[in-house]
Protein backbone atom coordinates (compact mmCIF):
# COMPACT_ATOMS: atom_id res chain seq x y z
CA MET A 1 173.65 41.25 103.63
CA SER A 2 171.70 44.63 104.53
CA LYS A 3 173.71 48.26 104.52
CA GLN A 4 171.86 51.07 106.32
CA ILE A 5 171.67 54.19 103.35
CA THR A 6 171.46 57.67 104.23
CA THR A 7 172.72 59.22 100.56
CA MET A 8 171.23 58.75 97.38
CA GLU A 9 174.83 58.36 95.87
CA GLU A 10 175.06 54.77 98.23
CA PHE A 11 171.56 53.86 96.72
CA ASN A 12 172.81 54.12 93.29
CA GLU A 13 175.47 52.38 94.33
CA GLN A 14 173.43 49.00 96.12
CA LEU A 15 170.87 49.68 93.33
CA LYS A 16 173.78 49.22 90.76
CA ALA A 17 175.47 46.64 92.58
CA GLY A 18 172.78 43.74 90.96
CA GLU A 19 169.97 41.92 89.73
CA LYS A 20 168.20 43.34 92.74
CA LEU A 21 167.57 45.16 96.06
CA LEU A 22 165.67 44.99 98.31
CA LEU A 23 165.56 48.57 100.28
CA LEU A 24 163.62 48.85 103.71
CA LYS A 25 161.87 52.25 104.46
CA HIS A 26 161.82 52.31 108.60
CA SER A 27 160.74 54.38 111.17
CA SER A 28 163.06 54.46 114.58
CA THR A 29 160.09 55.24 116.33
CA CYS A 30 157.22 53.32 115.32
CA PRO A 31 156.31 49.90 116.37
CA ILE A 32 154.34 48.59 113.54
CA SER A 33 158.23 49.44 111.81
CA HIS A 34 159.82 48.07 114.32
CA ALA A 35 157.77 44.79 113.61
CA GLY A 36 158.33 45.06 109.74
CA TYR A 37 162.33 45.77 110.14
CA ASP A 38 162.90 42.61 112.49
CA GLU A 39 161.19 40.77 109.51
CA TYR A 40 163.38 42.49 107.38
CA LYS A 41 166.30 40.84 109.00
CA LYS A 42 165.07 37.57 109.40
CA PHE A 43 164.87 37.37 106.13
CA VAL A 44 167.71 39.19 105.55
CA SER A 45 169.71 36.61 108.08
CA ASN A 46 167.98 34.18 106.27
CA HIS A 47 169.57 34.86 103.27
CA PRO A 48 173.08 36.65 103.55
CA ASP A 49 173.43 37.06 99.87
CA MET A 50 171.06 39.16 98.98
CA ASN A 51 171.46 42.67 98.15
CA ALA A 52 169.78 44.47 100.71
CA CYS A 53 169.70 48.06 102.52
CA TYR A 54 167.55 50.29 104.84
CA LEU A 55 166.99 53.56 105.76
CA ILE A 56 165.59 55.20 108.69
CA VAL A 57 162.90 57.94 107.77
CA GLN A 58 163.82 59.85 110.75
CA ASP A 59 168.01 60.37 109.56
CA SER A 60 167.28 60.58 105.91
CA ARG A 61 164.28 61.82 105.10
CA PRO A 62 165.57 63.46 102.08
CA LEU A 63 166.60 60.28 100.38
CA SER A 64 162.87 58.48 101.76
CA ASN A 65 161.56 61.29 99.42
CA GLU A 66 163.91 61.54 96.47
CA ILE A 67 163.57 57.56 96.09
CA ALA A 68 159.82 58.26 96.91
CA GLU A 69 159.46 60.47 94.18
CA LYS A 70 161.69 58.82 91.18
CA PHE A 71 160.17 55.60 91.35
CA GLN A 72 156.76 57.04 91.98
CA VAL A 73 156.58 54.66 95.00
CA LYS A 74 153.93 56.65 97.78
CA HIS A 75 156.20 57.15 100.84
CA GLU A 76 154.81 55.24 103.34
CA SER A 77 156.95 53.54 106.88
CA PRO A 78 157.69 50.23 107.34
CA GLN A 79 158.22 50.40 103.48
CA ALA A 80 159.93 47.33 101.73
CA ILE A 81 160.67 47.91 98.14
CA LEU A 82 161.97 45.23 95.74
CA PHE A 83 163.60 46.49 92.75
CA VAL A 84 164.99 44.19 89.82
CA ASN A 85 166.58 45.74 87.17
CA GLY A 86 166.72 49.42 88.54
CA GLU A 87 162.35 49.16 88.46
CA VAL A 88 160.32 48.69 91.14
CA GLU A 89 158.73 45.05 90.81
CA TRP A 90 156.77 44.72 94.35
CA HIS A 91 156.57 47.00 97.39
CA ALA A 92 154.49 46.38 100.53
CA SER A 93 153.96 47.97 103.91
CA HIS A 94 153.14 47.97 107.43
CA TRP A 95 151.84 44.58 108.38
CA LYS A 96 152.48 42.67 105.11
CA ILE A 97 155.89 42.95 105.43
CA THR A 98 156.52 39.52 106.41
CA ASN A 99 159.55 37.15 106.34
CA LYS A 100 156.87 34.84 104.31
CA SER A 101 156.07 37.93 101.62
CA LEU A 102 159.33 38.80 101.24
CA GLU A 103 160.29 35.62 100.10
CA ALA A 104 157.72 35.04 97.51
CA ALA A 105 158.31 38.79 96.14
CA ILE A 106 162.06 37.88 95.90
CA PHE A 107 161.40 34.50 94.85
CA ALA A 108 158.47 34.75 92.17
CA GLN A 109 161.27 36.76 90.57
CA GLN A 110 163.46 34.53 89.81
């Protein structure tokens, strides 16, 4: 299941909700970001039990920046970040966000 988040409190709730969390940072105005978002949606629809959330950078810039700073992952958009037990295990951006790369990242962590 995928949920849009807008605050650090919502992010922390998602982070605590399971062992793994897939986060997508998405720009609503960028065609490359739209392609990454489509791949993310495809992955999430194929794995409805996956703890997943996304943020729209234009709507949640402070949250995006806070996550980048807290976890030392330079902000990019689109950007997928996999957290395992509250720590960053994998991240990718731009054209590297595909259903196949998400599958490989998520299931390599089992």
